[in-house]
Every structure is written in structure tokens, then in C-alpha cells.
């Protein structure tokens, strides 16, 4: 990943909401995004909370894990995208091994 380029119109860094139920992965992802210059506005552990906060915070991007409690990432993505809140990037650490 490369760091976001400075905005020539003086706008703030890209705002990202992260939803990942595995705490260590969530913390690592948040740390990496911040080191790259992104503004992580929230980091939550379930899809329902992601939908709720995305509607309020209006991030530039929502990163969702696929498998999460309460509401999975696919269901959360459907709600966030259909409401026109933000684009969604799906993430998973799932392996078939």
C-alpha cells in the first residue's frame, strides 16, 4: 500500500472505518492504516456496529471482514452501499487449509 497523497484543496486525510471481529487483526490494520496516513475514524468488532457508525461518521471508505458476529460483512456491505454511505472493501483472513 502507498500513503495517500496530500489533498491540494486542503481537505483532511481519507477517513476509514474498520470492522474486524479479531482484535489483533483489527489493531494491526488500524495501526498500518494510520502509519500510511489514513484517518481511522472508528474500529469495531461486528457488522451491525459498522453499519450504525458508517451512517453517522460518513467515512470515505469502510473496510469489512467477511465473517463477523451480529451481522456479517456481506450483510453490512449491502446496507452501507445501498444507503450510499461509502464504498466498501471486503477483507478476510479465512483459509481453506
PDB file of N, CA and C in Angstrom:
ATOM      1  N   UNK A   1       0.834  -1.175   0.000  1.00  0.00           N
ATOM      2  CA  UNK A   1       0.000   0.000   0.000  1.00  0.00           C
ATOM      3  C   UNK A   1       0.878   1.236   0.000  1.00  0.00           C
ATOM      4  N   UNK A   2       0.395   2.269  -0.654  1.00  0.00           N
ATOM      5  CA  UNK A   2       1.117   3.535  -0.620  1.00  0.00           C
ATOM      6  C   UNK A   2       0.306   4.554   0.151  1.00  0.00           C
ATOM      7  N   UNK A   3       0.983   5.511   0.718  1.00  0.00           N
ATOM      8  CA  UNK A   3       0.317   6.544   1.508  1.00  0.00           C
ATOM      9  C   UNK A   3      -0.518   7.433   0.600  1.00  0.00           C
ATOM     10  N   UNK A   4      -1.635   7.944   1.142  1.00  0.00           N
ATOM     11  CA  UNK A   4      -2.450   8.851   0.341  1.00  0.00           C
ATOM     12  C   UNK A   4      -1.681  10.136   0.062  1.00  0.00           C
ATOM     13  N   UNK A   5      -1.879  10.682  -1.120  1.00  0.00           N
ATOM     14  CA  UNK A   5      -1.214  11.939  -1.473  1.00  0.00           C
ATOM     15  C   UNK A   5      -1.930  13.097  -0.783  1.00  0.00           C
ATOM     16  N   UNK A   6      -1.195  14.143  -0.413  1.00  0.00           N
ATOM     17  CA  UNK A   6      -1.833  15.303   0.207  1.00  0.00           C
ATOM     18  C   UNK A   6      -2.869  15.903  -0.738  1.00  0.00           C
ATOM     19  N   UNK A   7      -3.956  16.347  -0.184  1.00  0.00           N
ATOM     20  CA  UNK A   7      -5.019  16.959  -0.960  1.00  0.00           C
ATOM     21  C   UNK A   7      -4.645  18.404  -1.260  1.00  0.00           C
ATOM     22  N   UNK A   8      -4.696  18.778  -2.515  1.00  0.00           N
ATOM     23  CA  UNK A   8      -4.298  20.134  -2.902  1.00  0.00           C
ATOM     24  C   UNK A   8      -5.322  21.181  -2.491  1.00  0.00           C
ATOM     25  N   UNK A   9      -6.521  20.765  -2.112  1.00  0.00           N
ATOM     26  CA  UNK A   9      -7.552  21.709  -1.698  1.00  0.00           C
ATOM     27  C   UNK A   9      -7.641  21.817  -0.181  1.00  0.00           C
ATOM     28  N   UNK A  10      -6.675  21.262   0.519  1.00  0.00           N
ATOM     29  CA  UNK A  10      -6.629  21.399   1.970  1.00  0.00           C
ATOM     30  C   UNK A  10      -7.569  20.494   2.746  1.00  0.00           C
ATOM     31  N   UNK A  11      -8.153  19.506   2.095  1.00  0.00           N
ATOM     32  CA  UNK A  11      -9.038  18.586   2.813  1.00  0.00           C
ATOM     33  C   UNK A  11      -8.228  17.639   3.683  1.00  0.00           C
ATOM     34  N   UNK A  12      -8.886  17.061   4.647  1.00  0.00           N
ATOM     35  CA  UNK A  12      -8.213  16.148   5.570  1.00  0.00           C
ATOM     36  C   UNK A  12      -7.868  14.818   4.893  1.00  0.00           C
ATOM     37  N   UNK A  13      -7.126  14.011   5.626  1.00  0.00           N
ATOM     38  CA  UNK A  13      -6.740  12.683   5.135  1.00  0.00           C
ATOM     39  C   UNK A  13      -7.985  11.827   4.905  1.00  0.00           C
ATOM     40  N   UNK A  14      -7.889  10.821   4.026  1.00  0.00           N
ATOM     41  CA  UNK A  14      -9.032   9.927   3.807  1.00  0.00           C
ATOM     42  C   UNK A  14      -9.461   9.272   5.122  1.00  0.00           C
ATOM     43  N   UNK A  15     -10.774   9.280   5.363  1.00  0.00           N
ATOM     44  CA  UNK A  15     -11.343   8.762   6.605  1.00  0.00           C
ATOM     45  C   UNK A  15     -11.827   7.329   6.385  1.00  0.00           C
ATOM     46  N   UNK A  16     -11.388   6.422   7.252  1.00  0.00           N
ATOM     47  CA  UNK A  16     -11.674   4.996   7.091  1.00  0.00           C
ATOM     48  C   UNK A  16     -12.315   4.440   8.358  1.00  0.00           C
ATOM     49  N   UNK A  17     -13.333   3.604   8.167  1.00  0.00           N
ATOM     50  CA  UNK A  17     -13.941   2.848   9.264  1.00  0.00           C
ATOM     51  C   UNK A  17     -13.547   1.389   9.064  1.00  0.00           C
ATOM     52  N   UNK A  18     -13.077   0.741  10.117  1.00  0.00           N
ATOM     53  CA  UNK A  18     -12.631  -0.651  10.064  1.00  0.00           C
ATOM     54  C   UNK A  18     -13.564  -1.518  10.906  1.00  0.00           C
ATOM     55  N   UNK A  19     -14.005  -2.645  10.346  1.00  0.00           N
ATOM     56  CA  UNK A  19     -14.799  -3.616  11.098  1.00  0.00           C
ATOM     57  C   UNK A  19     -14.158  -4.991  10.946  1.00  0.00           C
ATOM     58  N   UNK A  20     -13.670  -5.514  12.048  1.00  0.00           N
ATOM     59  CA  UNK A  20     -12.979  -6.815  12.090  1.00  0.00           C
ATOM     60  C   UNK A  20     -13.182  -7.383  13.483  1.00  0.00           C
ATOM     61  N   UNK A  21     -13.702  -8.608  13.580  1.00  0.00           N
ATOM     62  CA  UNK A  21     -14.002  -9.170  14.894  1.00  0.00           C
ATOM     63  C   UNK A  21     -12.786  -9.701  15.638  1.00  0.00           C
ATOM     64  N   UNK A  22     -11.708 -10.020  14.938  1.00  0.00           N
ATOM     65  CA  UNK A  22     -10.486 -10.481  15.606  1.00  0.00           C
ATOM     66  C   UNK A  22      -9.685  -9.258  16.054  1.00  0.00           C
ATOM     67  N   UNK A  23      -9.586  -9.076  17.368  1.00  0.00           N
ATOM     68  CA  UNK A  23      -8.981  -7.861  17.926  1.00  0.00           C
ATOM     69  C   UNK A  23      -7.563  -7.610  17.429  1.00  0.00           C
ATOM     70  N   UNK A  24      -6.736  -8.638  17.364  1.00  0.00           N
ATOM     71  CA  UNK A  24      -5.342  -8.436  16.965  1.00  0.00           C
ATOM     72  C   UNK A  24      -5.243  -7.996  15.505  1.00  0.00           C
ATOM     73  N   UNK A  25      -6.083  -8.567  14.653  1.00  0.00           N
ATOM     74  CA  UNK A  25      -6.097  -8.165  13.242  1.00  0.00           C
ATOM     75  C   UNK A  25      -6.610  -6.734  13.121  1.00  0.00           C
ATOM     76  N   UNK A  26      -7.669  -6.420  13.875  1.00  0.00           N
ATOM     77  CA  UNK A  26      -8.230  -5.068  13.861  1.00  0.00           C
ATOM     78  C   UNK A  26      -7.183  -4.043  14.286  1.00  0.00           C
ATOM     79  N   UNK A  27      -6.476  -4.322  15.375  1.00  0.00           N
ATOM     80  CA  UNK A  27      -5.453  -3.392  15.870  1.00  0.00           C
ATOM     81  C   UNK A  27      -4.314  -3.225  14.870  1.00  0.00           C
ATOM     82  N   UNK A  28      -3.863  -4.321  14.272  1.00  0.00           N
ATOM     83  CA  UNK A  28      -2.791  -4.250  13.272  1.00  0.00           C
ATOM     84  C   UNK A  28      -3.224  -3.451  12.044  1.00  0.00           C
ATOM     85  N   UNK A  29      -4.445  -3.676  11.597  1.00  0.00           N
ATOM     86  CA  UNK A  29      -4.952  -2.962  10.430  1.00  0.00           C
ATOM     87  C   UNK A  29      -5.058  -1.463  10.708  1.00  0.00           C
ATOM     88  N   UNK A  30      -5.585  -1.120  11.867  1.00  0.00           N
ATOM     89  CA  UNK A  30      -5.697   0.293  12.252  1.00  0.00           C
ATOM     90  C   UNK A  30      -4.316   0.943  12.313  1.00  0.00           C
ATOM     91  N   UNK A  31      -3.377   0.270  12.942  1.00  0.00           N
ATOM     92  CA  UNK A  31      -2.018   0.810  13.059  1.00  0.00           C
ATOM     93  C   UNK A  31      -1.386   1.018  11.678  1.00  0.00           C
ATOM     94  N   UNK A  32      -1.533   0.036  10.808  1.00  0.00           N
ATOM     95  CA  UNK A  32      -0.966   0.137   9.462  1.00  0.00           C
ATOM     96  C   UNK A  32      -1.599   1.285   8.678  1.00  0.00           C
ATOM     97  N   UNK A  33      -2.910   1.387   8.732  1.00  0.00           N
ATOM     98  CA  UNK A  33      -3.594   2.468   8.016  1.00  0.00           C
ATOM     99  C   UNK A  33      -3.150   3.837   8.524  1.00  0.00           C
ATOM    100  N   UNK A  34      -3.037   3.979   9.830  1.00  0.00           N
ATOM    101  CA  UNK A  34      -2.599   5.261  10.400  1.00  0.00           C
ATOM    102  C   UNK A  34      -1.166   5.588   9.999  1.00  0.00           C
ATOM    103  N   UNK A  35      -0.294   4.580  10.002  1.00  0.00           N
ATOM    104  CA  UNK A  35       1.096   4.797   9.576  1.00  0.00           C
ATOM    105  C   UNK A  35       1.171   5.243   8.122  1.00  0.00           C
ATOM    106  N   UNK A  36       0.214   4.804   7.320  1.00  0.00           N
ATOM    107  CA  UNK A  36       0.175   5.172   5.905  1.00  0.00           C
ATOM    108  C   UNK A  36      -0.517   6.513   5.663  1.00  0.00           C
ATOM    109  N   UNK A  37      -0.999   7.138   6.727  1.00  0.00           N
ATOM    110  CA  UNK A  37      -1.580   8.465   6.591  1.00  0.00           C
ATOM    111  C   UNK A  37      -3.089   8.530   6.527  1.00  0.00           C
ATOM    112  N   UNK A  38      -3.766   7.416   6.766  1.00  0.00           N
ATOM    113  CA  UNK A  38      -5.225   7.422   6.766  1.00  0.00           C
ATOM    114  C   UNK A  38      -5.744   7.808   8.150  1.00  0.00           C
ATOM    115  N   UNK A  39      -6.915   8.420   8.183  1.00  0.00           N
ATOM    116  CA  UNK A  39      -7.570   8.789   9.432  1.00  0.00           C
ATOM    117  C   UNK A  39      -8.598   7.702   9.752  1.00  0.00           C
ATOM    118  N   UNK A  40      -8.271   6.818  10.684  1.00  0.00           N
ATOM    119  CA  UNK A  40      -9.198   5.752  11.067  1.00  0.00           C
ATOM    120  C   UNK A  40     -10.181   6.353  12.074  1.00  0.00           C
ATOM    121  N   UNK A  41     -11.422   6.550  11.625  1.00  0.00           N
ATOM    122  CA  UNK A  41     -12.420   7.237  12.447  1.00  0.00           C
ATOM    123  C   UNK A  41     -13.103   6.308  13.436  1.00  0.00           C
ATOM    124  N   UNK A  42     -13.066   4.999  13.177  1.00  0.00           N
ATOM    125  CA  UNK A  42     -13.643   4.024  14.100  1.00  0.00           C
ATOM    126  C   UNK A  42     -13.137   2.639  13.735  1.00  0.00           C
ATOM    127  N   UNK A  43     -13.058   1.778  14.749  1.00  0.00           N
ATOM    128  CA  UNK A  43     -12.694   0.378  14.561  1.00  0.00           C
ATOM    129  C   UNK A  43     -13.609  -0.441  15.460  1.00  0.00           C
ATOM    130  N   UNK A  44     -14.416  -1.296  14.851  1.00  0.00           N
ATOM    131  CA  UNK A  44     -15.429  -2.046  15.587  1.00  0.00           C
ATOM    132  C   UNK A  44     -15.298  -3.538  15.319  1.00  0.00           C
ATOM    133  N   UNK A  45     -16.008  -4.341  16.116  1.00  0.00           N
ATOM    134  CA  UNK A  45     -15.887  -5.784  16.034  1.00  0.00           C
ATOM    135  C   UNK A  45     -17.066  -6.525  15.454  1.00  0.00           C
ATOM    136  N   UNK A  46     -18.092  -5.811  14.956  1.00  0.00           N
ATOM    137  CA  UNK A  46     -19.207  -6.511  14.325  1.00  0.00           C
ATOM    138  C   UNK A  46     -19.836  -5.650  13.232  1.00  0.00           C
ATOM    139  N   UNK A  47     -20.534  -6.310  12.331  1.00  0.00           N
ATOM    140  CA  UNK A  47     -21.112  -5.633  11.181  1.00  0.00           C
ATOM    141  C   UNK A  47     -22.219  -4.660  11.512  1.00  0.00           C
ATOM    142  N   UNK A  48     -23.025  -4.972  12.522  1.00  0.00           N
ATOM    143  CA  UNK A  48     -24.118  -4.071  12.893  1.00  0.00           C
ATOM    144  C   UNK A  48     -23.579  -2.731  13.374  1.00  0.00           C
ATOM    145  N   UNK A  49     -22.540  -2.774  14.181  1.00  0.00           N
ATOM    146  CA  UNK A  49     -21.925  -1.536  14.673  1.00  0.00           C
ATOM    147  C   UNK A  49     -21.298  -0.769  13.509  1.00  0.00           C
ATOM    148  N   UNK A  50     -20.723  -1.476  12.551  1.00  0.00           N
ATOM    149  CA  UNK A  50     -20.137  -0.826  11.377  1.00  0.00           C
ATOM    150  C   UNK A  50     -21.202  -0.070  10.587  1.00  0.00           C
ATOM    151  N   UNK A  51     -22.353  -0.690  10.379  1.00  0.00           N
ATOM    152  CA  UNK A  51     -23.452  -0.041   9.653  1.00  0.00           C
ATOM    153  C   UNK A  51     -23.902   1.207  10.406  1.00  0.00           C
ATOM    154  N   UNK A  52     -24.079   1.068  11.710  1.00  0.00           N
ATOM    155  CA  UNK A  52     -24.526   2.181  12.551  1.00  0.00           C
ATOM    156  C   UNK A  52     -23.546   3.356  12.480  1.00  0.00           C
ATOM    157  N   UNK A  53     -22.264   3.078  12.689  1.00  0.00           N
ATOM    158  CA  UNK A  53     -21.273   4.156  12.710  1.00  0.00           C
ATOM    159  C   UNK A  53     -21.004   4.730  11.322  1.00  0.00           C
ATOM    160  N   UNK A  54     -21.074   3.912  10.293  1.00  0.00           N
ATOM    161  CA  UNK A  54     -20.866   4.420   8.937  1.00  0.00           C
ATOM    162  C   UNK A  54     -21.918   5.472   8.593  1.00  0.00           C
ATOM    163  N   UNK A  55     -23.155   5.231   9.000  1.00  0.00           N
ATOM    164  CA  UNK A  55     -24.229   6.189   8.727  1.00  0.00           C
ATOM    165  C   UNK A  55     -24.003   7.517   9.441  1.00  0.00           C
ATOM    166  N   UNK A  56     -23.412   7.457  10.622  1.00  0.00           N
ATOM    167  CA  UNK A  56     -23.175   8.667  11.422  1.00  0.00           C
ATOM    168  C   UNK A  56     -21.886   9.374  11.007  1.00  0.00           C
ATOM    169  N   UNK A  57     -20.812   8.610  10.847  1.00  0.00           N
ATOM    170  CA  UNK A  57     -19.487   9.192  10.612  1.00  0.00           C
ATOM    171  C   UNK A  57     -19.206   9.528   9.148  1.00  0.00           C
ATOM    172  N   UNK A  58     -19.923   8.898   8.222  1.00  0.00           N
ATOM    173  CA  UNK A  58     -19.747   9.134   6.788  1.00  0.00           C
ATOM    174  C   UNK A  58     -18.276   9.047   6.348  1.00  0.00           C
ATOM    175  N   UNK A  59     -17.639   7.897   6.561  1.00  0.00           N
ATOM    176  CA  UNK A  59     -16.228   7.757   6.166  1.00  0.00           C
ATOM    177  C   UNK A  59     -16.086   7.744   4.643  1.00  0.00           C
ATOM    178  N   UNK A  60     -14.857   7.896   4.187  1.00  0.00           N
ATOM    179  CA  UNK A  60     -14.568   7.813   2.758  1.00  0.00           C
ATOM    180  C   UNK A  60     -14.511   6.364   2.285  1.00  0.00           C
ATOM    181  N   UNK A  61     -14.215   5.448   3.212  1.00  0.00           N
ATOM    182  CA  UNK A  61     -14.100   4.027   2.904  1.00  0.00           C
ATOM    183  C   UNK A  61     -14.427   3.217   4.147  1.00  0.00           C
ATOM    184  N   UNK A  62     -15.098   2.083   3.951  1.00  0.00           N
ATOM    185  CA  UNK A  62     -15.354   1.136   5.037  1.00  0.00           C
ATOM    186  C   UNK A  62     -14.661  -0.171   4.676  1.00  0.00           C
ATOM    187  N   UNK A  63     -13.832  -0.676   5.586  1.00  0.00           N
ATOM    188  CA  UNK A  63     -13.160  -1.963   5.396  1.00  0.00           C
ATOM    189  C   UNK A  63     -13.854  -2.970   6.305  1.00  0.00           C
ATOM    190  N   UNK A  64     -14.395  -4.035   5.713  1.00  0.00           N
ATOM    191  CA  UNK A  64     -15.175  -5.028   6.453  1.00  0.00           C
ATOM    192  C   UNK A  64     -14.574  -6.419   6.337  1.00  0.00           C
ATOM    193  N   UNK A  65     -14.512  -7.112   7.467  1.00  0.00           N
ATOM    194  CA  UNK A  65     -14.203  -8.535   7.458  1.00  0.00           C
ATOM    195  C   UNK A  65     -15.437  -9.256   6.919  1.00  0.00           C
ATOM    196  N   UNK A  66     -15.257 -10.393   6.302  1.00  0.00           N
ATOM    197  CA  UNK A  66     -16.385 -11.143   5.763  1.00  0.00           C
ATOM    198  C   UNK A  66     -17.191 -11.801   6.878  1.00  0.00           C
ATOM    199  N   UNK A  67     -16.530 -12.525   7.776  1.00  0.00           N
ATOM    200  CA  UNK A  67     -17.217 -13.272   8.829  1.00  0.00           C
ATOM    201  C   UNK A  67     -17.104 -12.531  10.155  1.00  0.00           C
ATOM    202  N   UNK A  68     -18.234 -11.973  10.615  1.00  0.00           N
ATOM    203  CA  UNK A  68     -18.282 -11.261  11.900  1.00  0.00           C
ATOM    204  C   UNK A  68     -19.576 -11.608  12.614  1.00  0.00           C
ATOM    205  N   UNK A  69     -19.597 -11.420  13.924  1.00  0.00           N
ATOM    206  CA  UNK A  69     -20.824 -11.678  14.675  1.00  0.00           C
ATOM    207  C   UNK A  69     -21.868 -10.576  14.463  1.00  0.00           C
ATOM    208  N   UNK A  70     -23.062 -10.842  14.907  1.00  0.00           N
ATOM    209  CA  UNK A  70     -24.228  -9.945  14.867  1.00  0.00           C
ATOM    210  C   UNK A  70     -24.712  -9.754  13.429  1.00  0.00           C
ATOM    211  N   UNK A  71     -23.880  -9.200  12.568  1.00  0.00           N
ATOM    212  CA  UNK A  71     -24.180  -9.033  11.147  1.00  0.00           C
ATOM    213  C   UNK A  71     -22.877  -9.262  10.393  1.00  0.00           C
ATOM    214  N   UNK A  72     -22.884 -10.202   9.450  1.00  0.00           N
ATOM    215  CA  UNK A  72     -21.628 -10.488   8.737  1.00  0.00           C
ATOM    216  C   UNK A  72     -21.260  -9.344   7.790  1.00  0.00           C
ATOM    217  N   UNK A  73     -20.046  -9.405   7.274  1.00  0.00           N
ATOM    218  CA  UNK A  73     -19.552  -8.341   6.417  1.00  0.00           C
ATOM    219  C   UNK A  73     -20.349  -8.160   5.139  1.00  0.00           C
ATOM    220  N   UNK A  74     -20.841  -9.249   4.564  1.00  0.00           N
ATOM    221  CA  UNK A  74     -21.624  -9.140   3.336  1.00  0.00           C
ATOM    222  C   UNK A  74     -22.933  -8.405   3.583  1.00  0.00           C
ATOM    223  N   UNK A  75     -23.599  -8.723   4.683  1.00  0.00           N
ATOM    224  CA  UNK A  75     -24.835  -8.022   5.036  1.00  0.00           C
ATOM    225  C   UNK A  75     -24.586  -6.560   5.349  1.00  0.00           C
ATOM    226  N   UNK A  76     -23.502  -6.290   6.062  1.00  0.00           N
ATOM    227  CA  UNK A  76     -23.144  -4.908   6.389  1.00  0.00           C
ATOM    228  C   UNK A  76     -22.814  -4.134   5.116  1.00  0.00           C
ATOM    229  N   UNK A  77     -22.055  -4.756   4.218  1.00  0.00           N
ATOM    230  CA  UNK A  77     -21.686  -4.094   2.962  1.00  0.00           C
ATOM    231  C   UNK A  77     -22.921  -3.742   2.148  1.00  0.00           C
ATOM    232  N   UNK A  78     -23.859  -4.670   2.075  1.00  0.00           N
ATOM    233  CA  UNK A  78     -25.089  -4.427   1.325  1.00  0.00           C
ATOM    234  C   UNK A  78     -25.821  -3.199   1.863  1.00  0.00           C
ATOM    235  N   UNK A  79     -25.920  -3.099   3.186  1.00  0.00           N
ATOM    236  CA  UNK A  79     -26.623  -1.961   3.792  1.00  0.00           C
ATOM    237  C   UNK A  79     -25.870  -0.649   3.580  1.00  0.00           C
ATOM    238  N   UNK A  80     -24.560  -0.675   3.755  1.00  0.00           N
ATOM    239  CA  UNK A  80     -23.746   0.543   3.621  1.00  0.00           C
ATOM    240  C   UNK A  80     -23.757   1.048   2.182  1.00  0.00           C
ATOM    241  N   UNK A  81     -23.575   0.149   1.230  1.00  0.00           N
ATOM    242  CA  UNK A  81     -23.534   0.545  -0.180  1.00  0.00           C
ATOM    243  C   UNK A  81     -24.911   0.985  -0.666  1.00  0.00           C
ATOM    244  N   UNK A  82     -25.961   0.247  -0.306  1.00  0.00           N
ATOM    245  CA  UNK A  82     -27.307   0.607  -0.777  1.00  0.00           C
ATOM    246  C   UNK A  82     -27.770   1.944  -0.204  1.00  0.00           C
ATOM    247  N   UNK A  83     -27.255   2.323   0.969  1.00  0.00           N
ATOM    248  CA  UNK A  83     -27.592   3.622   1.560  1.00  0.00           C
ATOM    249  C   UNK A  83     -26.735   4.743   0.971  1.00  0.00           C
ATOM    250  N   UNK A  84     -25.760   4.387   0.146  1.00  0.00           N
ATOM    251  CA  UNK A  84     -24.901   5.392  -0.470  1.00  0.00           C
ATOM    252  C   UNK A  84     -23.942   6.059   0.498  1.00  0.00           C
ATOM    253  N   UNK A  85     -23.612   5.364   1.583  1.00  0.00           N
ATOM    254  CA  UNK A  85     -22.756   5.943   2.622  1.00  0.00           C
ATOM    255  C   UNK A  85     -21.302   6.026   2.180  1.00  0.00           C
ATOM    256  N   UNK A  86     -20.746   4.923   1.702  1.00  0.00           N
ATOM    257  CA  UNK A  86     -19.321   4.880   1.355  1.00  0.00           C
ATOM    258  C   UNK A  86     -19.033   3.620   0.552  1.00  0.00           C
ATOM    259  N   UNK A  87     -17.944   3.622  -0.196  1.00  0.00           N
ATOM    260  CA  UNK A  87     -17.513   2.375  -0.822  1.00  0.00           C
ATOM    261  C   UNK A  87     -17.003   1.412   0.248  1.00  0.00           C
ATOM    262  N   UNK A  88     -17.044   0.130  -0.068  1.00  0.00           N
ATOM    263  CA  UNK A  88     -16.662  -0.909   0.887  1.00  0.00           C
ATOM    264  C   UNK A  88     -15.553  -1.767   0.292  1.00  0.00           C
ATOM    265  N   UNK A  89     -14.588  -2.090   1.127  1.00  0.00           N
ATOM    266  CA  UNK A  89     -13.526  -3.031   0.779  1.00  0.00           C
ATOM    267  C   UNK A  89     -13.691  -4.233   1.698  1.00  0.00           C
ATOM    268  N   UNK A  90     -13.863  -5.423   1.117  1.00  0.00           N
ATOM    269  CA  UNK A  90     -14.027  -6.637   1.909  1.00  0.00           C
ATOM    270  C   UNK A  90     -12.657  -7.246   2.194  1.00  0.00           C
ATOM    271  N   UNK A  91     -12.521  -7.789   3.402  1.00  0.00           N
ATOM    272  CA  UNK A  91     -11.259  -8.342   3.866  1.00  0.00           C
ATOM    273  C   UNK A  91     -11.546  -9.648   4.593  1.00  0.00           C
ATOM    274  N   UNK A  92     -10.702 -10.655   4.394  1.00  0.00           N
ATOM    275  CA  UNK A  92     -10.848 -11.876   5.174  1.00  0.00           C
ATOM    276  C   UNK A  92      -9.490 -12.536   5.375  1.00  0.00           C
ATOM    277  N   UNK A  93      -9.360 -13.194   6.497  1.00  0.00           N
ATOM    278  CA  UNK A  93      -8.165 -13.980   6.775  1.00  0.00           C
ATOM    279  C   UNK A  93      -8.503 -15.461   6.657  1.00  0.00           C
ATOM    280  N   UNK A  94      -9.691 -15.768   6.152  1.00  0.00           N
ATOM    281  CA  UNK A  94     -10.156 -17.141   6.035  1.00  0.00           C
ATOM    282  C   UNK A  94      -9.289 -17.924   5.065  1.00  0.00           C
ATOM    283  N   UNK A  95      -8.986 -19.145   5.445  1.00  0.00           N
ATOM    284  CA  UNK A  95      -8.207 -20.028   4.596  1.00  0.00           C
ATOM    285  C   UNK A  95      -8.888 -21.386   4.565  1.00  0.00           C
ATOM    286  N   UNK A  96      -8.785 -22.083   3.476  1.00  0.00           N
ATOM    287  CA  UNK A  96      -9.376 -23.413   3.379  1.00  0.00           C
ATOM    288  C   UNK A  96      -8.422 -24.489   3.855  1.00  0.00           C
ATOM    289  N   UNK A  97      -7.268 -24.096   4.353  1.00  0.00           N
ATOM    290  CA  UNK A  97      -6.306 -25.072   4.870  1.00  0.00           C
ATOM    291  C   UNK A  97      -6.733 -25.576   6.213  1.00  0.00           C
TER     292      UNK A  97
END
